[in-house]
């Protein structure tokens, strides 16, 4: 939009069929929604027939269903898959990511972008991160356990988790703004969305102390909410 193009945000991938450039975040942020691979391949085929392009941002696919990734389909053409080291690998500070595409698209990207300097240490981090499959498997297991634990914790206090990934949880509740403020006052920051006032996104606590802080804050929020309800009851 800043460059003068007409940009629109849609909720259904079928609405992207007539686009010149379609961008799909998969899994989506913040709700964690996953679009099936076959649907994306159908969309890519329609766009490719018109000489158009599908870009799939798979920054969270490292904790998503691998079978739905388009990483192995880019040779068909008209598909670009973006990956990041800043999410699952926790290496946001190295500013490292990469694009997967067919040979012609890669050549066009290189021509348009020119030489892109990446620091040697960043490359080494990326190579080792991708190669350490044992760490990846262990971390996926830990994230799944922590996400399930967080879901149960929120549910205990009346905040049902509606989606997300194992890296973050997606909550939808009428009291979202109040919960956001109550936790924020206790130094626990969730993400609140101005255009989605009933939605929150929560990351996973990092250690047992943080789990206990969150539980105590949720208990205080629940008590305050119940007290206010009694005050307003006839």
Protein backbone atom coordinates (compact mmCIF):
# COMPACT_ATOMS: atom_id res chain seq x y z
CA UNK A 1 0.00 0.00 0.00
CA UNK A 2 2.86 2.39 0.78
CA UNK A 3 4.24 1.75 -2.71
CA UNK A 4 0.91 2.67 -4.27
CA UNK A 5 -0.58 -0.78 -4.80
CA UNK A 6 -4.13 -1.70 -3.87
CA UNK A 7 -3.87 -4.06 -0.89
CA UNK A 8 -6.67 -5.94 0.82
CA UNK A 9 -6.81 -8.31 3.78
CA UNK A 10 -9.12 -11.28 3.36
CA UNK A 11 -10.28 -14.17 5.55
CA UNK A 12 -10.64 -16.83 2.83
CA UNK A 13 -7.85 -18.00 0.52
CA UNK A 14 -10.34 -18.40 -2.33
CA UNK A 15 -10.71 -14.61 -2.30
CA UNK A 16 -7.05 -14.37 -3.43
CA UNK A 17 -7.64 -16.05 -6.78
CA UNK A 18 -7.74 -12.78 -8.72
CA UNK A 19 -4.83 -11.19 -6.89
CA UNK A 20 -1.59 -10.23 -8.63
CA UNK A 21 0.35 -11.12 -5.49
CA UNK A 22 -1.19 -13.33 -2.81
CA UNK A 23 0.41 -13.57 0.63
CA UNK A 24 -0.71 -16.26 3.05
CA UNK A 25 0.65 -16.58 6.60
CA UNK A 26 0.59 -20.28 7.45
CA UNK A 27 0.19 -20.98 10.36
CA UNK A 28 -1.50 -17.64 10.79
CA UNK A 29 -0.64 -15.11 13.47
CA UNK A 30 -2.31 -14.61 15.94
CA UNK A 31 -5.02 -17.28 15.64
CA UNK A 32 -2.78 -20.17 14.49
CA UNK A 33 -5.11 -21.10 11.64
CA UNK A 34 -3.55 -23.48 9.10
CA UNK A 35 -4.56 -23.58 5.45
CA UNK A 36 -4.31 -27.04 3.96
CA UNK A 37 -1.52 -27.65 1.47
CA UNK A 38 -3.89 -28.85 -1.25
CA UNK A 39 -5.92 -25.63 -1.07
CA UNK A 40 -2.75 -23.57 -1.37
CA UNK A 41 -1.52 -25.64 -4.30
CA UNK A 42 -4.85 -25.07 -6.06
CA UNK A 43 -4.55 -21.33 -5.43
CA UNK A 44 -0.95 -21.35 -6.67
CA UNK A 45 -1.99 -23.14 -9.87
CA UNK A 46 -4.66 -20.54 -10.62
CA UNK A 47 -2.25 -17.68 -9.96
CA UNK A 48 0.54 -19.33 -11.97
CA UNK A 49 -1.77 -19.69 -14.97
CA UNK A 50 -2.12 -15.91 -14.95
CA UNK A 51 1.58 -15.28 -14.38
CA UNK A 52 0.98 -14.26 -10.78
CA UNK A 53 2.71 -15.23 -7.52
CA UNK A 54 1.81 -16.89 -4.22
CA UNK A 55 3.99 -16.07 -1.20
CA UNK A 56 3.54 -18.28 1.86
CA UNK A 57 5.01 -16.99 5.11
CA UNK A 58 5.87 -20.12 7.10
CA UNK A 59 7.62 -18.38 9.98
CA UNK A 60 5.67 -20.55 12.44
CA UNK A 61 5.63 -23.78 10.39
CA UNK A 62 8.48 -25.20 12.49
CA UNK A 63 5.80 -25.82 15.14
CA UNK A 64 3.01 -26.40 12.63
CA UNK A 65 1.88 -29.49 10.73
CA UNK A 66 4.82 -30.24 8.43
CA UNK A 67 2.55 -32.00 5.95
CA UNK A 68 0.87 -28.67 5.15
CA UNK A 69 4.12 -26.91 4.23
CA UNK A 70 4.73 -25.83 0.62
CA UNK A 71 8.51 -25.94 1.01
CA UNK A 72 8.72 -29.05 -1.14
CA UNK A 73 6.46 -27.66 -3.88
CA UNK A 74 8.31 -24.52 -4.93
CA UNK A 75 9.82 -26.13 -8.04
CA UNK A 76 6.36 -26.01 -9.61
CA UNK A 77 6.88 -22.26 -10.03
CA UNK A 78 4.85 -19.30 -8.89
CA UNK A 79 5.42 -20.11 -5.21
CA UNK A 80 7.75 -18.46 -2.70
CA UNK A 81 8.03 -19.87 0.83
CA UNK A 82 9.52 -17.68 3.56
CA UNK A 83 11.16 -19.13 6.67
CA UNK A 84 12.60 -17.46 9.76
CA UNK A 85 15.02 -18.29 12.58
CA UNK A 86 13.41 -15.77 14.92
CA UNK A 87 10.44 -17.84 16.10
CA UNK A 88 10.99 -21.52 16.86
CA UNK A 89 14.78 -21.20 17.06
CA UNK A 90 14.61 -18.03 19.16
CA UNK A 91 17.28 -16.28 17.09
CA UNK A 92 15.47 -13.04 16.30
CA UNK A 93 18.59 -11.01 17.05
CA UNK A 94 20.59 -12.50 14.18
CA UNK A 95 18.01 -11.16 11.65
CA UNK A 96 18.25 -14.32 9.58
CA UNK A 97 15.72 -15.93 7.28
CA UNK A 98 15.48 -17.35 3.79
CA UNK A 99 13.21 -17.77 0.80
CA UNK A 100 12.52 -20.99 -1.11
CA UNK A 101 11.46 -20.72 -4.76
CA UNK A 102 12.04 -22.10 -8.23
CA UNK A 103 15.31 -21.24 -9.98
CA UNK A 104 13.85 -18.48 -12.15
CA UNK A 105 12.20 -16.71 -9.20
CA UNK A 106 15.41 -16.96 -7.17
CA UNK A 107 17.34 -15.37 -10.03
CA UNK A 108 14.80 -12.55 -10.25
CA UNK A 109 15.03 -11.97 -6.50
CA UNK A 110 18.81 -11.86 -6.63
CA UNK A 111 18.70 -9.42 -9.55
CA UNK A 112 16.26 -7.09 -7.84
CA UNK A 113 17.76 -7.24 -4.34
CA UNK A 114 21.42 -7.37 -5.30
CA UNK A 115 24.07 -8.71 -2.91
CA UNK A 116 22.59 -9.17 0.53
CA UNK A 117 25.27 -9.21 3.20
CA UNK A 118 24.68 -11.69 6.01
CA UNK A 119 27.16 -11.88 8.86
CA UNK A 120 29.26 -15.03 9.06
CA UNK A 121 28.22 -15.79 12.67
CA UNK A 122 24.55 -15.50 11.68
CA UNK A 123 25.04 -18.02 8.89
CA UNK A 124 26.82 -20.38 11.26
CA UNK A 125 23.97 -20.10 13.77
CA UNK A 126 21.48 -20.87 11.02
CA UNK A 127 23.39 -23.90 9.72
CA UNK A 128 23.77 -25.39 13.18
CA UNK A 129 20.14 -24.69 14.09
CA UNK A 130 18.83 -26.45 10.99
CA UNK A 131 21.18 -29.37 11.51
CA UNK A 132 20.39 -30.00 15.18
CA UNK A 133 17.37 -32.22 14.67
CA UNK A 134 17.69 -33.72 18.15
CA UNK A 135 17.23 -30.29 19.75
CA UNK A 136 14.32 -29.56 17.42
CA UNK A 137 12.48 -32.73 18.42
CA UNK A 138 13.05 -32.11 22.12
CA UNK A 139 11.92 -28.49 21.87
CA UNK A 140 8.75 -29.40 19.95
CA UNK A 141 7.88 -31.84 22.73
CA UNK A 142 8.53 -29.27 25.44
CA UNK A 143 6.50 -26.59 23.66
CA UNK A 144 3.56 -28.96 23.22
CA UNK A 145 3.59 -29.77 26.95
CA UNK A 146 3.86 -26.11 27.96
CA UNK A 147 1.09 -25.06 25.56
CA UNK A 148 -1.23 -27.71 27.01
CA UNK A 149 -0.34 -26.57 30.53
CA UNK A 150 -1.06 -22.96 29.65
CA UNK A 151 -4.42 -23.88 28.13
CA UNK A 152 -5.42 -25.61 31.38
CA UNK A 153 -4.23 -22.68 33.46
CA UNK A 154 -6.24 -20.14 31.50
CA UNK A 155 -9.29 -22.43 31.51
CA UNK A 156 -9.19 -22.65 35.31
CA UNK A 157 -9.80 -18.93 35.45
CA UNK A 158 -12.46 -18.75 32.75
CA UNK A 159 -10.27 -17.75 29.79
CA UNK A 160 -10.63 -20.50 27.20
CA UNK A 161 -7.90 -20.76 24.58
CA UNK A 162 -9.36 -20.67 21.07
CA UNK A 163 -6.29 -21.40 18.96
CA UNK A 164 -2.68 -20.46 18.35
CA UNK A 165 0.46 -22.54 17.96
CA UNK A 166 2.64 -24.19 20.59
CA UNK A 167 4.70 -20.98 20.62
CA UNK A 168 1.74 -18.75 21.48
CA UNK A 169 -1.88 -19.15 22.52
CA UNK A 170 -4.89 -17.30 21.13
CA UNK A 171 -7.66 -16.24 23.48
CA UNK A 172 -11.06 -14.80 22.62
CA UNK A 173 -13.15 -13.52 25.52
CA UNK A 174 -15.40 -10.50 26.28
CA UNK A 175 -13.14 -9.43 29.16
CA UNK A 176 -9.98 -9.39 27.02
CA UNK A 177 -9.23 -5.72 27.63
CA UNK A 178 -9.66 -6.13 31.38
CA UNK A 179 -7.43 -9.19 31.50
CA UNK A 180 -4.80 -7.42 29.41
CA UNK A 181 -4.77 -4.49 31.85
CA UNK A 182 -4.83 -6.64 34.98
CA UNK A 183 -1.88 -8.75 33.88
CA UNK A 184 -0.01 -5.73 32.53
CA UNK A 185 -0.21 -4.05 35.94
CA UNK A 186 1.59 -7.09 37.32
CA UNK A 187 4.33 -6.97 34.70
CA UNK A 188 2.88 -9.71 32.51
CA UNK A 189 2.39 -8.52 28.95
CA UNK A 190 -0.04 -10.15 26.57
CA UNK A 191 -0.75 -8.81 23.11
CA UNK A 192 -4.03 -6.94 22.66
CA UNK A 193 -5.37 -5.94 19.26
CA UNK A 194 -7.06 -2.58 18.75
CA UNK A 195 -9.16 -3.87 15.85
CA UNK A 196 -10.01 -7.09 17.70
CA UNK A 197 -10.89 -5.94 21.23
CA UNK A 198 -11.97 -9.43 22.38
CA UNK A 199 -8.72 -11.11 21.34
CA UNK A 200 -5.44 -11.70 23.19
CA UNK A 201 -2.25 -13.50 22.30
CA UNK A 202 -0.16 -15.03 25.07
CA UNK A 203 3.36 -16.37 24.94
CA UNK A 204 4.60 -19.26 27.07
CA UNK A 205 6.11 -18.61 30.53
CA UNK A 206 9.84 -19.18 30.51
CA UNK A 207 10.39 -20.85 33.88
CA UNK A 208 8.53 -22.03 36.97
CA UNK A 209 8.72 -18.62 38.63
CA UNK A 210 6.94 -17.07 35.66
CA UNK A 211 4.29 -19.80 35.75
CA UNK A 212 3.61 -18.99 39.40
CA UNK A 213 3.45 -15.25 38.69
CA UNK A 214 0.93 -15.82 35.93
CA UNK A 215 -1.21 -18.11 38.08
CA UNK A 216 -1.26 -15.59 40.93
CA UNK A 217 -2.13 -12.73 38.57
CA UNK A 218 -4.99 -14.73 37.02
CA UNK A 219 -6.30 -15.54 40.49
CA UNK A 220 -6.26 -11.84 41.44
CA UNK A 221 -8.04 -10.95 38.19
CA UNK A 222 -10.72 -13.56 38.81
CA UNK A 223 -11.29 -12.38 42.37
CA UNK A 224 -11.57 -8.76 41.27
CA UNK A 225 -13.99 -9.69 38.50
CA UNK A 226 -16.19 -11.68 40.88
CA UNK A 227 -16.16 -8.82 43.39
CA UNK A 228 -17.30 -6.35 40.76
CA UNK A 229 -20.03 -8.74 39.65
CA UNK A 230 -21.38 -8.94 43.19
CA UNK A 231 -21.33 -5.17 43.52
CA UNK A 232 -23.41 -4.70 40.37
CA UNK A 233 -25.87 -7.52 41.13
CA UNK A 234 -29.35 -6.40 42.26
